[in-house]
Amino acid sequence: AQQALQSSGFNQGALKAEPKAAAESYARLKAEATA
């Protein structure tokens, strides 16, 4: 997943707050669904 993210041109400076918050919320939901 990290390699796929880096291949999309990801860098720390380009990371925006809103997409990050949405992604983290989605990750928590998916982890809870897996459990």
PDB file of all heavy atoms in Angstrom:
ATOM      1  N   ALA A   1       0.825  -1.207   0.000  1.00  0.00           N
ATOM      2  CA  ALA A   1       0.000   0.000   0.000  1.00  0.00           C
ATOM      3  C   ALA A   1       0.860   1.259   0.000  1.00  0.00           C
ATOM      4  O   ALA A   1       0.538   2.263  -0.653  1.00  0.00           O
ATOM      5  CB  ALA A   1      -0.920  -0.010   1.219  1.00  0.00           C
ATOM      6  N   GLN A   2       1.968   1.208   0.726  1.00  0.00           N
ATOM      7  CA  GLN A   2       2.865   2.364   0.756  1.00  0.00           C
ATOM      8  C   GLN A   2       3.498   2.601  -0.618  1.00  0.00           C
ATOM      9  O   GLN A   2       3.611   3.744  -1.074  1.00  0.00           O
ATOM     10  CB  GLN A   2       3.937   2.137   1.811  1.00  0.00           C
ATOM     11  CG  GLN A   2       4.877   3.323   1.984  1.00  0.00           C
ATOM     12  CD  GLN A   2       5.902   3.063   3.085  1.00  0.00           C
ATOM     13  OE1 GLN A   2       5.931   1.992   3.663  1.00  0.00           O
ATOM     14  NE2 GLN A   2       6.722   4.054   3.370  1.00  0.00           N
ATOM     15  N   GLN A   3       3.887   1.527  -1.286  1.00  0.00           N
ATOM     16  CA  GLN A   3       4.469   1.678  -2.618  1.00  0.00           C
ATOM     17  C   GLN A   3       3.446   2.216  -3.619  1.00  0.00           C
ATOM     18  O   GLN A   3       3.766   3.055  -4.465  1.00  0.00           O
ATOM     19  CB  GLN A   3       5.008   0.325  -3.090  1.00  0.00           C
ATOM     20  CG  GLN A   3       6.216  -0.170  -2.296  1.00  0.00           C
ATOM     21  CD  GLN A   3       6.636  -1.572  -2.688  1.00  0.00           C
ATOM     22  OE1 GLN A   3       5.944  -2.253  -3.442  1.00  0.00           O
ATOM     23  NE2 GLN A   3       7.793  -2.007  -2.173  1.00  0.00           N
ATOM     24  N   ALA A   4       2.198   1.738  -3.505  1.00  0.00           N
ATOM     25  CA  ALA A   4       1.155   2.246  -4.387  1.00  0.00           C
ATOM     26  C   ALA A   4       0.883   3.713  -4.141  1.00  0.00           C
ATOM     27  O   ALA A   4       0.653   4.498  -5.075  1.00  0.00           O
ATOM     28  CB  ALA A   4      -0.119   1.423  -4.195  1.00  0.00           C
ATOM     29  N   LEU A   5       0.946   4.126  -2.875  1.00  0.00           N
ATOM     30  CA  LEU A   5       0.699   5.531  -2.535  1.00  0.00           C
ATOM     31  C   LEU A   5       1.832   6.410  -3.052  1.00  0.00           C
ATOM     32  O   LEU A   5       1.610   7.501  -3.576  1.00  0.00           O
ATOM     33  CB  LEU A   5       0.543   5.676  -1.025  1.00  0.00           C
ATOM     34  CG  LEU A   5       0.225   7.078  -0.489  1.00  0.00           C
ATOM     35  CD1 LEU A   5      -1.089   7.593  -1.075  1.00  0.00           C
ATOM     36  CD2 LEU A   5       0.150   7.059   1.031  1.00  0.00           C
ATOM     37  N   GLN A   6       3.043   5.931  -2.923  1.00  0.00           N
ATOM     38  CA  GLN A   6       4.189   6.710  -3.408  1.00  0.00           C
ATOM     39  C   GLN A   6       4.197   6.805  -4.931  1.00  0.00           C
ATOM     40  O   GLN A   6       4.626   7.820  -5.493  1.00  0.00           O
ATOM     41  CB  GLN A   6       5.489   6.061  -2.917  1.00  0.00           C
ATOM     42  CG  GLN A   6       5.703   6.197  -1.419  1.00  0.00           C
ATOM     43  CD  GLN A   6       6.931   5.447  -0.942  1.00  0.00           C
ATOM     44  OE1 GLN A   6       7.520   4.671  -1.701  1.00  0.00           O
ATOM     45  NE2 GLN A   6       7.318   5.672   0.290  1.00  0.00           N
ATOM     46  N   SER A   7       3.679   5.789  -5.626  1.00  0.00           N
ATOM     47  CA  SER A   7       3.641   5.844  -7.085  1.00  0.00           C
ATOM     48  C   SER A   7       2.640   6.876  -7.610  1.00  0.00           C
ATOM     49  O   SER A   7       2.696   7.263  -8.772  1.00  0.00           O
ATOM     50  CB  SER A   7       3.286   4.465  -7.652  1.00  0.00           C
ATOM     51  OG  SER A   7       1.967   4.097  -7.272  1.00  0.00           O
ATOM     52  N   SER A   8       1.732   7.338  -6.747  1.00  0.00           N
ATOM     53  CA  SER A   8       0.765   8.355  -7.172  1.00  0.00           C
ATOM     54  C   SER A   8       1.308   9.762  -6.996  1.00  0.00           C
ATOM     55  O   SER A   8       0.558  10.726  -7.143  1.00  0.00           O
ATOM     56  CB  SER A   8      -0.539   8.197  -6.383  1.00  0.00           C
ATOM     57  OG  SER A   8      -0.317   8.469  -5.005  1.00  0.00           O
ATOM     58  N   GLY A   9       2.567   9.903  -6.672  1.00  0.00           N
ATOM     59  CA  GLY A   9       3.164  11.219  -6.483  1.00  0.00           C
ATOM     60  C   GLY A   9       2.986  11.753  -5.080  1.00  0.00           C
ATOM     61  O   GLY A   9       3.066  12.955  -4.852  1.00  0.00           O
ATOM     62  N   PHE A  10       2.775  10.865  -4.128  1.00  0.00           N
ATOM     63  CA  PHE A  10       2.573  11.299  -2.739  1.00  0.00           C
ATOM     64  C   PHE A  10       3.860  11.863  -2.151  1.00  0.00           C
ATOM     65  O   PHE A  10       4.939  11.341  -2.358  1.00  0.00           O
ATOM     66  CB  PHE A  10       2.108  10.100  -1.907  1.00  0.00           C
ATOM     67  CG  PHE A  10       2.232  10.306  -0.437  1.00  0.00           C
ATOM     68  CD1 PHE A  10       1.323  11.087   0.245  1.00  0.00           C
ATOM     69  CD2 PHE A  10       3.283   9.735   0.263  1.00  0.00           C
ATOM     70  CE1 PHE A  10       1.450  11.267   1.608  1.00  0.00           C
ATOM     71  CE2 PHE A  10       3.417   9.936   1.626  1.00  0.00           C
ATOM     72  CZ  PHE A  10       2.495  10.698   2.295  1.00  0.00           C
ATOM     73  N   ASN A  11       3.720  12.979  -1.445  1.00  0.00           N
ATOM     74  CA  ASN A  11       4.810  13.495  -0.619  1.00  0.00           C
ATOM     75  C   ASN A  11       4.179  14.236   0.551  1.00  0.00           C
ATOM     76  O   ASN A  11       3.012  14.644   0.504  1.00  0.00           O
ATOM     77  CB  ASN A  11       5.752  14.396  -1.409  1.00  0.00           C
ATOM     78  CG  ASN A  11       5.021  15.593  -2.013  1.00  0.00           C
ATOM     79  OD1 ASN A  11       4.649  16.522  -1.295  1.00  0.00           O
ATOM     80  ND2 ASN A  11       4.799  15.575  -3.329  1.00  0.00           N
ATOM     81  N   GLN A  12       4.935  14.398   1.609  1.00  0.00           N
ATOM     82  CA  GLN A  12       4.395  15.010   2.826  1.00  0.00           C
ATOM     83  C   GLN A  12       3.925  16.434   2.587  1.00  0.00           C
ATOM     84  O   GLN A  12       2.941  16.890   3.166  1.00  0.00           O
ATOM     85  CB  GLN A  12       5.474  14.989   3.928  1.00  0.00           C
ATOM     86  CG  GLN A  12       5.837  13.584   4.392  1.00  0.00           C
ATOM     87  CD  GLN A  12       4.692  12.903   5.109  1.00  0.00           C
ATOM     88  OE1 GLN A  12       3.811  13.584   5.640  1.00  0.00           O
ATOM     89  NE2 GLN A  12       4.690  11.588   5.088  1.00  0.00           N
ATOM     90  N   GLY A  13       4.615  17.169   1.725  1.00  0.00           N
ATOM     91  CA  GLY A  13       4.202  18.553   1.483  1.00  0.00           C
ATOM     92  C   GLY A  13       2.899  18.655   0.718  1.00  0.00           C
ATOM     93  O   GLY A  13       2.151  19.624   0.886  1.00  0.00           O
ATOM     94  N   ALA A  14       2.594  17.673  -0.116  1.00  0.00           N
ATOM     95  CA  ALA A  14       1.371  17.714  -0.913  1.00  0.00           C
ATOM     96  C   ALA A  14       0.164  17.168  -0.170  1.00  0.00           C
ATOM     97  O   ALA A  14      -0.954  17.223  -0.679  1.00  0.00           O
ATOM     98  CB  ALA A  14       1.567  16.928  -2.202  1.00  0.00           C
ATOM     99  N   LEU A  15       0.359  16.602   1.003  1.00  0.00           N
ATOM    100  CA  LEU A  15      -0.740  16.005   1.747  1.00  0.00           C
ATOM    101  C   LEU A  15      -1.622  17.095   2.332  1.00  0.00           C
ATOM    102  O   LEU A  15      -1.154  17.987   3.044  1.00  0.00           O
ATOM    103  CB  LEU A  15      -0.177  15.132   2.883  1.00  0.00           C
ATOM    104  CG  LEU A  15      -1.195  14.291   3.651  1.00  0.00           C
ATOM    105  CD1 LEU A  15      -1.890  13.325   2.709  1.00  0.00           C
ATOM    106  CD2 LEU A  15      -0.501  13.544   4.774  1.00  0.00           C
ATOM    107  N   LYS A  16      -2.884  17.065   2.037  1.00  0.00           N
ATOM    108  CA  LYS A  16      -3.833  18.059   2.532  1.00  0.00           C
ATOM    109  C   LYS A  16      -4.550  17.535   3.765  1.00  0.00           C
ATOM    110  O   LYS A  16      -4.731  16.336   3.938  1.00  0.00           O
ATOM    111  CB  LYS A  16      -4.847  18.398   1.442  1.00  0.00           C
ATOM    112  CG  LYS A  16      -4.210  18.981   0.181  1.00  0.00           C
ATOM    113  CD  LYS A  16      -5.257  19.259  -0.861  1.00  0.00           C
ATOM    114  CE  LYS A  16      -4.620  19.791  -2.142  1.00  0.00           C
ATOM    115  NZ  LYS A  16      -5.618  20.045  -3.202  1.00  0.00           N
ATOM    116  N   ALA A  17      -5.051  18.439   4.577  1.00  0.00           N
ATOM    117  CA  ALA A  17      -5.678  18.056   5.846  1.00  0.00           C
ATOM    118  C   ALA A  17      -6.985  17.315   5.634  1.00  0.00           C
ATOM    119  O   ALA A  17      -7.250  16.296   6.256  1.00  0.00           O
ATOM    120  CB  ALA A  17      -5.895  19.298   6.709  1.00  0.00           C
ATOM    121  N   GLU A  18      -7.813  17.798   4.756  1.00  0.00           N
ATOM    122  CA  GLU A  18      -9.131  17.181   4.586  1.00  0.00           C
ATOM    123  C   GLU A  18      -9.044  15.771   4.008  1.00  0.00           C
ATOM    124  O   GLU A  18      -9.660  14.843   4.530  1.00  0.00           O
ATOM    125  CB  GLU A  18     -10.010  18.076   3.720  1.00  0.00           C
ATOM    126  CG  GLU A  18     -10.401  19.371   4.418  1.00  0.00           C
ATOM    127  CD  GLU A  18     -11.351  20.206   3.571  1.00  0.00           C
ATOM    128  OE1 GLU A  18     -11.698  19.740   2.467  1.00  0.00           O
ATOM    129  OE2 GLU A  18     -11.741  21.285   4.010  1.00  0.00           O
ATOM    130  N   PRO A  19      -8.304  15.542   2.903  1.00  0.00           N
ATOM    131  CA  PRO A  19      -8.163  14.168   2.424  1.00  0.00           C
ATOM    132  C   PRO A  19      -7.558  13.235   3.477  1.00  0.00           C
ATOM    133  O   PRO A  19      -7.943  12.081   3.594  1.00  0.00           O
ATOM    134  CB  PRO A  19      -7.265  14.298   1.214  1.00  0.00           C
ATOM    135  CG  PRO A  19      -7.470  15.692   0.740  1.00  0.00           C
ATOM    136  CD  PRO A  19      -7.673  16.495   1.986  1.00  0.00           C
ATOM    137  N   LYS A  20      -6.612  13.761   4.248  1.00  0.00           N
ATOM    138  CA  LYS A  20      -5.999  12.937   5.284  1.00  0.00           C
ATOM    139  C   LYS A  20      -7.028  12.528   6.329  1.00  0.00           C
ATOM    140  O   LYS A  20      -7.106  11.366   6.738  1.00  0.00           O
ATOM    141  CB  LYS A  20      -4.845  13.695   5.940  1.00  0.00           C
ATOM    142  CG  LYS A  20      -4.172  12.921   7.063  1.00  0.00           C
ATOM    143  CD  LYS A  20      -3.062  13.716   7.679  1.00  0.00           C
ATOM    144  CE  LYS A  20      -2.431  12.947   8.842  1.00  0.00           C
ATOM    145  NZ  LYS A  20      -1.351  13.698   9.481  1.00  0.00           N
ATOM    146  N   ALA A  21      -7.827  13.498   6.781  1.00  0.00           N
ATOM    147  CA  ALA A  21      -8.847  13.179   7.786  1.00  0.00           C
ATOM    148  C   ALA A  21      -9.865  12.192   7.238  1.00  0.00           C
ATOM    149  O   ALA A  21     -10.281  11.242   7.926  1.00  0.00           O
ATOM    150  CB  ALA A  21      -9.540  14.468   8.237  1.00  0.00           C
ATOM    151  N   ALA A  22     -10.270  12.392   5.970  1.00  0.00           N
ATOM    152  CA  ALA A  22     -11.237  11.467   5.379  1.00  0.00           C
ATOM    153  C   ALA A  22     -10.653  10.064   5.240  1.00  0.00           C
ATOM    154  O   ALA A  22     -11.326   9.063   5.485  1.00  0.00           O
ATOM    155  CB  ALA A  22     -11.676  11.997   4.022  1.00  0.00           C
ATOM    156  N   ALA A  23      -9.395  10.000   4.846  1.00  0.00           N
ATOM    157  CA  ALA A  23      -8.754   8.695   4.681  1.00  0.00           C
ATOM    158  C   ALA A  23      -8.607   7.981   6.010  1.00  0.00           C
ATOM    159  O   ALA A  23      -8.828   6.768   6.111  1.00  0.00           O
ATOM    160  CB  ALA A  23      -7.398   8.862   4.013  1.00  0.00           C
ATOM    161  N   GLU A  24      -8.225   8.707   7.058  1.00  0.00           N
ATOM    162  CA  GLU A  24      -8.068   8.080   8.364  1.00  0.00           C
ATOM    163  C   GLU A  24      -9.411   7.606   8.904  1.00  0.00           C
ATOM    164  O   GLU A  24      -9.505   6.545   9.528  1.00  0.00           O
ATOM    165  CB  GLU A  24      -7.406   9.058   9.324  1.00  0.00           C
ATOM    166  CG  GLU A  24      -5.936   9.329   9.001  1.00  0.00           C
ATOM    167  CD  GLU A  24      -5.323  10.329   9.953  1.00  0.00           C
ATOM    168  OE1 GLU A  24      -6.083  10.966  10.701  1.00  0.00           O
ATOM    169  OE2 GLU A  24      -4.083  10.468   9.941  1.00  0.00           O
ATOM    170  N   SER A  25     -10.472   8.393   8.676  1.00  0.00           N
ATOM    171  CA  SER A  25     -11.801   7.959   9.105  1.00  0.00           C
ATOM    172  C   SER A  25     -12.225   6.706   8.363  1.00  0.00           C
ATOM    173  O   SER A  25     -12.793   5.771   8.944  1.00  0.00           O
ATOM    174  CB  SER A  25     -12.813   9.089   8.868  1.00  0.00           C
ATOM    175  OG  SER A  25     -14.110   8.651   9.186  1.00  0.00           O
ATOM    176  N   TYR A  26     -11.952   6.679   7.066  1.00  0.00           N
ATOM    177  CA  TYR A  26     -12.289   5.500   6.261  1.00  0.00           C
ATOM    178  C   TYR A  26     -11.481   4.282   6.733  1.00  0.00           C
ATOM    179  O   TYR A  26     -12.005   3.160   6.809  1.00  0.00           O
ATOM    180  CB  TYR A  26     -11.985   5.799   4.792  1.00  0.00           C
ATOM    181  CG  TYR A  26     -12.258   4.628   3.879  1.00  0.00           C
ATOM    182  CD1 TYR A  26     -13.527   4.402   3.374  1.00  0.00           C
ATOM    183  CD2 TYR A  26     -11.228   3.751   3.513  1.00  0.00           C
ATOM    184  CE1 TYR A  26     -13.777   3.330   2.528  1.00  0.00           C
ATOM    185  CE2 TYR A  26     -11.465   2.673   2.676  1.00  0.00           C
ATOM    186  CZ  TYR A  26     -12.744   2.464   2.186  1.00  0.00           C
ATOM    187  OH  TYR A  26     -12.989   1.401   1.354  1.00  0.00           O
ATOM    188  N   ALA A  27     -10.226   4.472   7.071  1.00  0.00           N
ATOM    189  CA  ALA A  27      -9.390   3.358   7.546  1.00  0.00           C
ATOM    190  C   ALA A  27      -9.918   2.798   8.847  1.00  0.00           C
ATOM    191  O   ALA A  27      -9.945   1.576   9.047  1.00  0.00           O
ATOM    192  CB  ALA A  27      -7.946   3.834   7.712  1.00  0.00           C
ATOM    193  N   ARG A  28     -10.359   3.682   9.753  1.00  0.00           N
ATOM    194  CA  ARG A  28     -10.909   3.202  11.022  1.00  0.00           C
ATOM    195  C   ARG A  28     -12.183   2.401  10.786  1.00  0.00           C
ATOM    196  O   ARG A  28     -12.401   1.357  11.419  1.00  0.00           O
ATOM    197  CB  ARG A  28     -11.166   4.377  11.957  1.00  0.00           C
ATOM    198  CG  ARG A  28      -9.907   4.965  12.585  1.00  0.00           C
ATOM    199  CD  ARG A  28     -10.249   5.890  13.730  1.00  0.00           C
ATOM    200  NE  ARG A  28     -11.038   7.043  13.275  1.00  0.00           N
ATOM    201  CZ  ARG A  28     -10.519   8.192  12.861  1.00  0.00           C
ATOM    202  NH1 ARG A  28      -9.180   8.338  12.838  1.00  0.00           N
ATOM    203  NH2 ARG A  28     -11.281   9.186  12.475  1.00  0.00           N
ATOM    204  N   LEU A  29     -13.052   2.897   9.894  1.00  0.00           N
ATOM    205  CA  LEU A  29     -14.284   2.176   9.591  1.00  0.00           C
ATOM    206  C   LEU A  29     -13.979   0.788   9.003  1.00  0.00           C
ATOM    207  O   LEU A  29     -14.594  -0.209   9.374  1.00  0.00           O
ATOM    208  CB  LEU A  29     -15.139   2.978   8.605  1.00  0.00           C
ATOM    209  CG  LEU A  29     -15.939   4.145   9.173  1.00  0.00           C
ATOM    210  CD1 LEU A  29     -16.610   4.923   8.047  1.00  0.00           C
ATOM    211  CD2 LEU A  29     -16.972   3.650  10.175  1.00  0.00           C
ATOM    212  N   LYS A  30     -13.042   0.753   8.098  1.00  0.00           N
ATOM    213  CA  LYS A  30     -12.729  -0.519   7.449  1.00  0.00           C
ATOM    214  C   LYS A  30     -12.090  -1.497   8.427  1.00  0.00           C
ATOM    215  O   LYS A  30     -12.374  -2.705   8.400  1.00  0.00           O
ATOM    216  CB  LYS A  30     -11.796  -0.280   6.261  1.00  0.00           C
ATOM    217  CG  LYS A  30     -11.702  -1.485   5.332  1.00  0.00           C
ATOM    218  CD  LYS A  30     -10.975  -1.130   4.043  1.00  0.00           C
ATOM    219  CE  LYS A  30     -10.946  -2.345   3.111  1.00  0.00           C
ATOM    220  NZ  LYS A  30     -10.241  -2.027   1.843  1.00  0.00           N
ATOM    221  N   ALA A  31     -11.229  -1.015   9.304  1.00  0.00           N
ATOM    222  CA  ALA A  31     -10.621  -1.882  10.318  1.00  0.00           C
ATOM    223  C   ALA A  31     -11.678  -2.429  11.268  1.00  0.00           C
ATOM    224  O   ALA A  31     -11.657  -3.602  11.640  1.00  0.00           O
ATOM    225  CB  ALA A  31      -9.551  -1.119  11.090  1.00  0.00           C
ATOM    226  N   GLU A  32     -12.621  -1.571  11.645  1.00  0.00           N
ATOM    227  CA  GLU A  32     -13.695  -2.014  12.523  1.00  0.00           C
ATOM    228  C   GLU A  32     -14.582  -3.035  11.817  1.00  0.00           C
ATOM    229  O   GLU A  32     -15.036  -4.012  12.418  1.00  0.00           O
ATOM    230  CB  GLU A  32     -14.522  -0.818  12.976  1.00  0.00           C
ATOM    231  CG  GLU A  32     -15.551  -1.166  14.055  1.00  0.00           C
ATOM    232  CD  GLU A  32     -16.265   0.057  14.584  1.00  0.00           C
ATOM    233  OE1 GLU A  32     -15.870   1.187  14.224  1.00  0.00           O
ATOM    234  OE2 GLU A  32     -17.210  -0.121  15.370  1.00  0.00           O
ATOM    235  N   ALA A  33     -14.832  -2.824  10.511  1.00  0.00           N
ATOM    236  CA  ALA A  33     -15.619  -3.798   9.750  1.00  0.00           C
ATOM    237  C   ALA A  33     -14.893  -5.130   9.661  1.00  0.00           C
ATOM    238  O   ALA A  33     -15.513  -6.203   9.766  1.00  0.00           O
ATOM    239  CB  ALA A  33     -15.912  -3.242   8.361  1.00  0.00           C
ATOM    240  N   THR A  34     -13.591  -5.107   9.484  1.00  0.00           N
ATOM    241  CA  THR A  34     -12.810  -6.348   9.433  1.00  0.00           C
ATOM    242  C   THR A  34     -12.886  -7.099  10.758  1.00  0.00           C
ATOM    243  O   THR A  34     -13.063  -8.318  10.794  1.00  0.00           O
ATOM    244  CB  THR A  34     -11.342  -6.031   9.095  1.00  0.00           C
ATOM    245  OG1 THR A  34     -11.287  -5.361   7.833  1.00  0.00           O
ATOM    246  CG2 THR A  34     -10.516  -7.306   9.033  1.00  0.00           C
ATOM    247  N   ALA A  35     -12.759  -6.358  11.860  1.00  0.00           N
ATOM    248  CA  ALA A  35     -12.853  -6.988  13.177  1.00  0.00           C
ATOM    249  C   ALA A  35     -14.230  -7.593  13.389  1.00  0.00           C
ATOM    250  O   ALA A  35     -14.369  -8.686  13.955  1.00  0.00           O
ATOM    251  CB  ALA A  35     -12.555  -5.963  14.266  1.00  0.00           C
TER     252      ALA A  35
END
